N, C-alpha and C. Protein backbone atom coordinates (compact mmCIF):
# COMPACT_ATOMS: atom_id res chain seq x y z
N UNK A 1 13.35 -2.73 -31.38
CA UNK A 1 12.36 -2.63 -30.33
C UNK A 1 11.41 -1.47 -30.66
N UNK A 2 10.15 -1.76 -30.70
CA UNK A 2 9.17 -0.73 -31.02
C UNK A 2 8.77 0.02 -29.76
N UNK A 3 8.08 1.11 -29.97
CA UNK A 3 7.60 1.92 -28.85
C UNK A 3 6.60 1.12 -28.01
N UNK A 4 5.82 0.28 -28.64
CA UNK A 4 4.81 -0.48 -27.93
C UNK A 4 5.42 -1.54 -27.02
N UNK A 5 6.50 -2.12 -27.44
CA UNK A 5 7.19 -3.10 -26.60
C UNK A 5 7.79 -2.40 -25.40
N UNK A 6 8.41 -1.25 -25.64
CA UNK A 6 8.99 -0.47 -24.55
C UNK A 6 7.92 -0.03 -23.56
N UNK A 7 6.78 0.39 -24.08
CA UNK A 7 5.66 0.78 -23.22
C UNK A 7 5.18 -0.39 -22.37
N UNK A 8 5.14 -1.57 -22.95
CA UNK A 8 4.74 -2.76 -22.21
C UNK A 8 5.70 -3.07 -21.07
N UNK A 9 7.00 -2.92 -21.31
CA UNK A 9 7.99 -3.16 -20.26
C UNK A 9 7.88 -2.12 -19.15
N UNK A 10 7.66 -0.87 -19.52
CA UNK A 10 7.51 0.18 -18.52
C UNK A 10 6.27 -0.08 -17.66
N UNK A 11 5.17 -0.46 -18.27
CA UNK A 11 3.95 -0.76 -17.52
C UNK A 11 4.17 -1.95 -16.60
N UNK A 12 4.90 -2.96 -17.05
CA UNK A 12 5.18 -4.12 -16.21
C UNK A 12 6.01 -3.72 -14.99
N UNK A 13 7.02 -2.89 -15.20
CA UNK A 13 7.85 -2.44 -14.08
C UNK A 13 7.01 -1.62 -13.09
N UNK A 14 6.19 -0.71 -13.60
CA UNK A 14 5.33 0.09 -12.73
C UNK A 14 4.37 -0.81 -11.97
N UNK A 15 3.79 -1.78 -12.64
CA UNK A 15 2.86 -2.71 -12.00
C UNK A 15 3.55 -3.47 -10.86
N UNK A 16 4.75 -3.96 -11.10
CA UNK A 16 5.46 -4.73 -10.07
C UNK A 16 5.87 -3.86 -8.89
N UNK A 17 6.30 -2.63 -9.16
CA UNK A 17 6.68 -1.72 -8.08
C UNK A 17 5.47 -1.37 -7.22
N UNK A 18 4.36 -1.03 -7.85
CA UNK A 18 3.15 -0.66 -7.11
C UNK A 18 2.62 -1.87 -6.34
N UNK A 19 2.69 -3.04 -6.93
CA UNK A 19 2.26 -4.26 -6.24
C UNK A 19 3.13 -4.52 -5.02
N UNK A 20 4.43 -4.30 -5.14
CA UNK A 20 5.33 -4.49 -4.00
C UNK A 20 5.04 -3.48 -2.89
N UNK A 21 4.78 -2.24 -3.26
CA UNK A 21 4.47 -1.21 -2.26
C UNK A 21 3.19 -1.57 -1.51
N UNK A 22 2.16 -1.95 -2.24
CA UNK A 22 0.88 -2.28 -1.60
C UNK A 22 1.00 -3.54 -0.76
N UNK A 23 1.72 -4.53 -1.25
CA UNK A 23 1.91 -5.76 -0.47
C UNK A 23 2.68 -5.51 0.81
N UNK A 24 3.75 -4.71 0.74
CA UNK A 24 4.52 -4.40 1.93
C UNK A 24 3.68 -3.61 2.94
N UNK A 25 2.93 -2.62 2.46
CA UNK A 25 2.09 -1.81 3.35
C UNK A 25 1.04 -2.68 4.04
N UNK A 26 0.40 -3.58 3.30
CA UNK A 26 -0.62 -4.44 3.89
C UNK A 26 -0.03 -5.37 4.94
N UNK A 27 1.06 -6.03 4.62
CA UNK A 27 1.68 -6.96 5.57
C UNK A 27 2.17 -6.20 6.80
N UNK A 28 2.74 -5.04 6.60
CA UNK A 28 3.22 -4.24 7.72
C UNK A 28 2.06 -3.81 8.61
N UNK A 29 0.94 -3.43 8.02
CA UNK A 29 -0.23 -3.01 8.81
C UNK A 29 -0.78 -4.16 9.63
N UNK A 30 -0.73 -5.36 9.10
CA UNK A 30 -1.23 -6.53 9.83
C UNK A 30 -0.32 -6.86 11.02
N UNK A 31 0.96 -6.59 10.92
CA UNK A 31 1.91 -6.99 11.96
C UNK A 31 1.87 -6.10 13.20
N UNK A 32 1.37 -4.89 13.10
CA UNK A 32 1.30 -4.03 14.28
C UNK A 32 0.12 -4.42 15.15
N UNK A 33 0.26 -4.28 16.47
CA UNK A 33 -0.85 -4.64 17.36
C UNK A 33 -2.03 -3.67 17.22
N UNK A 34 -3.20 -4.17 17.52
CA UNK A 34 -4.43 -3.39 17.38
C UNK A 34 -4.41 -2.13 18.24
N UNK A 35 -3.83 -2.22 19.42
CA UNK A 35 -3.83 -1.09 20.36
C UNK A 35 -2.93 0.05 19.89
N UNK A 36 -2.00 -0.23 19.00
CA UNK A 36 -1.04 0.79 18.56
C UNK A 36 -1.70 1.87 17.70
N UNK A 37 -2.70 1.52 16.94
CA UNK A 37 -3.32 2.47 16.03
C UNK A 37 -4.01 3.62 16.76
N UNK A 38 -4.90 3.34 17.73
CA UNK A 38 -5.49 4.47 18.47
C UNK A 38 -4.45 5.21 19.32
N UNK A 39 -3.45 4.50 19.83
CA UNK A 39 -2.41 5.15 20.64
C UNK A 39 -1.62 6.14 19.80
N UNK A 40 -1.46 5.88 18.52
CA UNK A 40 -0.75 6.78 17.62
C UNK A 40 -1.70 7.78 16.95
N UNK A 41 -2.98 7.74 17.31
CA UNK A 41 -4.01 8.60 16.73
C UNK A 41 -4.07 8.46 15.21
N UNK A 42 -4.08 7.21 14.75
CA UNK A 42 -4.09 6.94 13.31
C UNK A 42 -5.26 6.06 12.90
N UNK A 43 -6.39 6.17 13.56
CA UNK A 43 -7.55 5.37 13.20
C UNK A 43 -7.51 3.99 13.83
N UNK A 44 -8.08 3.02 13.13
CA UNK A 44 -8.12 1.66 13.67
C UNK A 44 -7.35 0.72 12.76
N UNK A 45 -6.94 -0.38 13.35
CA UNK A 45 -6.22 -1.39 12.58
C UNK A 45 -7.14 -1.99 11.51
N UNK A 46 -8.40 -2.20 11.87
CA UNK A 46 -9.34 -2.78 10.91
C UNK A 46 -9.49 -1.90 9.67
N UNK A 47 -9.60 -0.60 9.87
CA UNK A 47 -9.76 0.31 8.73
C UNK A 47 -8.54 0.27 7.83
N UNK A 48 -7.35 0.31 8.42
CA UNK A 48 -6.14 0.30 7.60
C UNK A 48 -5.94 -1.04 6.90
N UNK A 49 -6.14 -2.14 7.60
CA UNK A 49 -5.91 -3.43 6.96
C UNK A 49 -6.96 -3.73 5.89
N UNK A 50 -8.20 -3.36 6.13
CA UNK A 50 -9.22 -3.57 5.11
C UNK A 50 -8.94 -2.71 3.89
N UNK A 51 -8.63 -1.44 4.12
CA UNK A 51 -8.33 -0.54 3.00
C UNK A 51 -7.12 -0.98 2.20
N UNK A 52 -6.05 -1.32 2.89
CA UNK A 52 -4.84 -1.76 2.19
C UNK A 52 -5.04 -3.12 1.54
N UNK A 53 -5.80 -3.99 2.17
CA UNK A 53 -6.09 -5.30 1.57
C UNK A 53 -6.94 -5.18 0.32
N UNK A 54 -7.94 -4.29 0.36
CA UNK A 54 -8.74 -4.06 -0.85
C UNK A 54 -7.89 -3.47 -1.97
N UNK A 55 -6.97 -2.59 -1.60
CA UNK A 55 -6.07 -2.02 -2.59
C UNK A 55 -5.18 -3.06 -3.23
N UNK A 56 -4.67 -3.97 -2.41
CA UNK A 56 -3.83 -5.05 -2.93
C UNK A 56 -4.65 -5.98 -3.83
N UNK A 57 -5.85 -6.31 -3.40
CA UNK A 57 -6.72 -7.17 -4.22
C UNK A 57 -7.09 -6.49 -5.53
N UNK A 58 -7.39 -5.21 -5.48
CA UNK A 58 -7.73 -4.48 -6.71
C UNK A 58 -6.54 -4.45 -7.66
N UNK A 59 -5.35 -4.29 -7.12
CA UNK A 59 -4.16 -4.28 -7.96
C UNK A 59 -3.96 -5.62 -8.65
N UNK A 60 -4.19 -6.69 -7.93
CA UNK A 60 -4.02 -8.03 -8.49
C UNK A 60 -5.10 -8.33 -9.54
N UNK A 61 -6.33 -7.92 -9.25
CA UNK A 61 -7.43 -8.25 -10.15
C UNK A 61 -7.50 -7.34 -11.37
N UNK A 62 -7.24 -6.07 -11.21
CA UNK A 62 -7.39 -5.14 -12.33
C UNK A 62 -6.14 -5.11 -13.20
N UNK A 63 -4.96 -5.21 -12.61
CA UNK A 63 -3.67 -5.32 -13.31
C UNK A 63 -3.31 -4.12 -14.17
N UNK A 64 -3.98 -3.01 -14.03
CA UNK A 64 -3.61 -1.78 -14.73
C UNK A 64 -3.18 -0.79 -13.66
N UNK A 65 -1.90 -0.45 -13.61
CA UNK A 65 -1.43 0.37 -12.49
C UNK A 65 -1.93 1.81 -12.51
N UNK A 66 -2.36 2.29 -13.64
CA UNK A 66 -2.69 3.71 -13.72
C UNK A 66 -4.17 3.99 -13.94
N UNK A 67 -5.05 3.17 -13.41
CA UNK A 67 -6.46 3.54 -13.46
C UNK A 67 -6.83 4.22 -12.14
N UNK A 68 -8.00 4.81 -12.07
CA UNK A 68 -8.38 5.65 -10.94
C UNK A 68 -8.46 4.87 -9.62
N UNK A 69 -8.99 3.67 -9.65
CA UNK A 69 -9.12 2.87 -8.43
C UNK A 69 -7.75 2.51 -7.88
N UNK A 70 -6.88 2.00 -8.73
CA UNK A 70 -5.54 1.63 -8.28
C UNK A 70 -4.73 2.85 -7.85
N UNK A 71 -4.93 3.96 -8.50
CA UNK A 71 -4.23 5.18 -8.12
C UNK A 71 -4.64 5.64 -6.72
N UNK A 72 -5.94 5.57 -6.42
CA UNK A 72 -6.42 5.96 -5.09
C UNK A 72 -5.86 5.04 -4.01
N UNK A 73 -5.86 3.74 -4.26
CA UNK A 73 -5.32 2.80 -3.27
C UNK A 73 -3.79 2.91 -3.16
N UNK A 74 -3.12 3.28 -4.23
CA UNK A 74 -1.68 3.50 -4.17
C UNK A 74 -1.37 4.70 -3.28
N UNK A 75 -2.15 5.75 -3.41
CA UNK A 75 -1.97 6.92 -2.55
C UNK A 75 -2.21 6.55 -1.09
N UNK A 76 -3.23 5.72 -0.83
CA UNK A 76 -3.49 5.28 0.54
C UNK A 76 -2.31 4.48 1.10
N UNK A 77 -1.73 3.61 0.29
CA UNK A 77 -0.57 2.83 0.74
C UNK A 77 0.62 3.73 1.00
N UNK A 78 0.83 4.73 0.17
CA UNK A 78 1.94 5.66 0.38
C UNK A 78 1.72 6.52 1.62
N UNK A 79 0.48 6.92 1.88
CA UNK A 79 0.17 7.66 3.12
C UNK A 79 0.45 6.79 4.33
N UNK A 80 0.06 5.52 4.26
CA UNK A 80 0.34 4.61 5.36
C UNK A 80 1.84 4.52 5.61
N UNK A 81 2.62 4.33 4.55
CA UNK A 81 4.06 4.16 4.69
C UNK A 81 4.76 5.44 5.15
N UNK A 82 4.28 6.59 4.71
CA UNK A 82 4.95 7.85 5.04
C UNK A 82 4.51 8.44 6.37
N UNK A 83 3.27 8.18 6.78
CA UNK A 83 2.73 8.85 7.97
C UNK A 83 2.38 7.88 9.09
N UNK A 84 1.57 6.89 8.78
CA UNK A 84 1.06 6.00 9.81
C UNK A 84 2.12 5.04 10.33
N UNK A 85 2.88 4.46 9.45
CA UNK A 85 3.91 3.49 9.86
C UNK A 85 4.93 4.10 10.82
N UNK A 86 5.49 5.30 10.53
CA UNK A 86 6.42 5.88 11.50
C UNK A 86 5.78 6.17 12.86
N UNK A 87 4.51 6.61 12.86
CA UNK A 87 3.83 6.87 14.12
C UNK A 87 3.62 5.58 14.90
N UNK A 88 3.27 4.50 14.21
CA UNK A 88 3.11 3.22 14.88
C UNK A 88 4.45 2.71 15.42
N UNK A 89 5.51 2.90 14.66
CA UNK A 89 6.83 2.47 15.11
C UNK A 89 7.26 3.24 16.36
N UNK A 90 6.90 4.51 16.41
CA UNK A 90 7.25 5.32 17.59
C UNK A 90 6.49 4.85 18.83
N UNK A 91 5.24 4.51 18.67
CA UNK A 91 4.41 4.08 19.80
C UNK A 91 4.84 2.70 20.29
N UNK A 92 5.22 1.82 19.37
CA UNK A 92 5.57 0.45 19.76
C UNK A 92 7.06 0.24 19.96
N UNK A 93 7.85 1.27 19.85
CA UNK A 93 9.31 1.20 20.01
C UNK A 93 9.98 0.35 18.94
N UNK A 94 9.36 0.21 17.78
CA UNK A 94 9.97 -0.50 16.66
C UNK A 94 10.71 0.50 15.80
N UNK A 95 11.83 0.13 15.29
CA UNK A 95 12.59 1.01 14.40
C UNK A 95 12.87 0.32 13.12
């Protein structure tokens, strides 16, 4: 096994993990009610779903997990999962 083959496998794993994170964040953002976002002081549902949807689309279309655009959208998805999602769950009594 050469270094290039190993690098290809590592990139594939990173791509699939990042794609799963962005897909989960987008689907989760869509499932919360619109009223929950302002109640949790986390912006609007439209802003989060559009941003996360664009990130998911960019990940699918660009297919390089470590370019600047995908990195920015990955950070947005991680912020949603770490900060916004728990606040929405608290407001809507979801655990």
